[in-house]
Protein backbone atom coordinates (compact mmCIF):
# COMPACT_ATOMS: atom_id res chain seq x y z
CA UNK A 1 -10.32 -3.93 5.83
CA UNK A 2 -9.39 -1.36 8.98
CA UNK A 3 -11.43 1.58 7.41
CA UNK A 4 -14.42 -0.93 6.93
CA UNK A 5 -13.88 -1.88 10.68
CA UNK A 6 -14.06 1.65 11.57
CA UNK A 7 -16.78 2.52 9.38
CA UNK A 8 -19.30 0.18 11.14
CA UNK A 9 -18.10 0.87 14.39
CA UNK A 10 -19.13 4.61 14.28
CA UNK A 11 -22.69 3.21 13.00
CA UNK A 12 -22.89 0.81 16.35
CA UNK A 13 -21.63 3.97 18.46
CA UNK A 14 -24.35 5.95 16.53
CA UNK A 15 -26.57 3.58 17.18
CA UNK A 16 -25.84 3.44 20.91
CA UNK A 17 -25.26 7.19 21.33
CA UNK A 18 -29.30 7.21 19.99
CA UNK A 19 -30.75 4.30 22.72
CA UNK A 20 -29.11 5.25 25.36
CA UNK A 21 -30.83 8.67 24.79
CA UNK A 22 -34.19 6.91 24.82
CA UNK A 23 -33.36 4.78 27.90
CA UNK A 24 -32.72 8.30 29.66
CA UNK A 25 -28.65 7.39 30.65
CA UNK A 26 -27.71 10.87 28.56
CA UNK A 27 -29.49 13.79 28.01
CA UNK A 28 -29.83 15.80 25.09
CA UNK A 29 -26.86 17.68 24.73
CA UNK A 30 -24.54 14.51 25.37
CA UNK A 31 -26.61 12.78 22.55
CA UNK A 32 -26.30 15.52 19.64
CA UNK A 33 -22.42 15.94 20.43
CA UNK A 34 -22.36 11.98 20.06
CA UNK A 35 -24.49 11.60 17.47
CA UNK A 36 -22.82 14.05 15.53
CA UNK A 37 -19.37 12.25 16.05
CA UNK A 38 -20.58 9.71 15.35
CA UNK A 39 -21.69 10.66 12.40
CA UNK A 40 -18.39 12.63 11.00
CA UNK A 41 -16.66 9.68 11.15
CA UNK A 42 -18.90 7.08 9.24
CA UNK A 43 -18.45 9.74 6.74
CA UNK A 44 -15.04 9.72 6.98
CA UNK A 45 -14.12 6.22 7.43
CA UNK A 46 -16.88 5.06 5.09
CA UNK A 47 -16.09 7.81 1.85
CA UNK A 48 -12.18 6.57 2.78
CA UNK A 49 -13.12 3.33 2.86
CA UNK A 50 -14.75 3.66 -0.73
CA UNK A 51 -11.71 5.79 -2.71
CA UNK A 52 -9.09 3.15 -1.10
CA UNK A 53 -6.60 2.14 -3.94
CA UNK A 54 -6.86 -1.84 -4.58
CA UNK A 55 -3.71 -3.25 -3.83
């Protein structure tokens, strides 16, 4: 369950970084770094959640 929550939080973090860039709160380099971190963390957590062992 915690992996699913972290995967969803990563998606929301990516959305937040996109909106922050659109509103002009962050520069382009910061946006790319935040989006990279959000994307990588999403794929890590979502893949770990998909391959978890059932209890």
